[in-house]
Amino acid sequence: MTSQLKSILNKALSAKELLPEEALSLLKIDLQSNDMYALWAAANTLSQRQFGNQGEVYAQIGINVWPCPKSCGFCSFAEEAGVIESALEFDVEEVVSRAKDFEAGGANAIFLMTTANYPFDRYIEIAKAVRAAVSPYLPMIANIGDFGHQQARELLDAGFQGVYHVCRLGEGKDTTISIKDRLATLEAIKDSRLDLSYCVEPIGPEHRHEELVEQMFRGKQYGTPNLACMRRIPVPGTRLAKVGEISELELATVVAVTRLVAGESIKAMGVHEPSLLALQAGANQIYAETGPNPRDTKEDTAC
């Protein structure tokens, strides 16, 4: 282990905040070296110290799938991709049933996800029904398109405790969504009583280390208690499918660095898709999903 690496890892394990340039140097570690395992071990030690053996499973219900005009280059819902041939939308009763099943299975939180063009009023109606059907102590997290301060208040009133929202890698280039709109939504969340769930995503082989570091620190900047990393899945038919995907080894290393950057500021460190390597590198939280999913072409990914 180099003296520089040892110094950075000791700093992180001493609960001192890492600098962006230190995180960048960690991402540049040779993935075939002992240093990589030292990095993983430090991140895992931090999680064991903070969380013990307590793992978490967040459950997500995809409510609808139909062509989305945002046409993100990695999403099966993208209108331009033409992957989605028929529209699907779960009714209130179906969403409530799936939420209750997840609660009975021991889920630590329920995420409700829609396409960016899903009617907000209908989403609130479904959310209120789910909130009434599950324990008031089970966190409910919104995963929707961009919104403002008024809608943030409506989400709170509907019973949500948090929102999953990200200014993603390649935003404005691989998507038709402006960075300005994404940041405005993050500000609306920050100004509300909603917790933010943030993620370094969707990571592809073309993304530079500097871009990953920027995402890590953005999540920390907005005070997320739930931070995660997700690799991009090359969905056939989508614009970015041909670019490929990173390995689980690479994903685990990004998780480890993100974990050290977060320090003790988070309550959970997630990885998506679930990965045993990442769970050895500091992650303690995974997702279970049902219904439509932007990383799959099936109408119901639980099947």
Foldseek 3Di string as FASTA:
>chain_A
DDPLLVVLLVCLLVLHADDLVSLLVLLPDDLPDVSLVVLLQSLQVLQCVQPNLDFAAEEEEEFWAAQAPQQQQQFCSHNVLPLDDDIDGDALVVVLVVLVVCVVVPHQAYEYAYEQPPDLVRVLVSLLSNCVRDDLNRAYEYEYHFDAQVSLVSCVVSRHQAYEAECAVCRVNSTVHDSVRRVRRLVSCLVDRHAYAYEHDQDAPPDDSSSLSVRLVVCVVSQHQHYEYHYGALEPSGNCNVRDIDDLSSQLSSLSSSSSNCRNSHDFYEYPPDDPSNSSRNHRYHYDYWADDRNYSDRTVVD
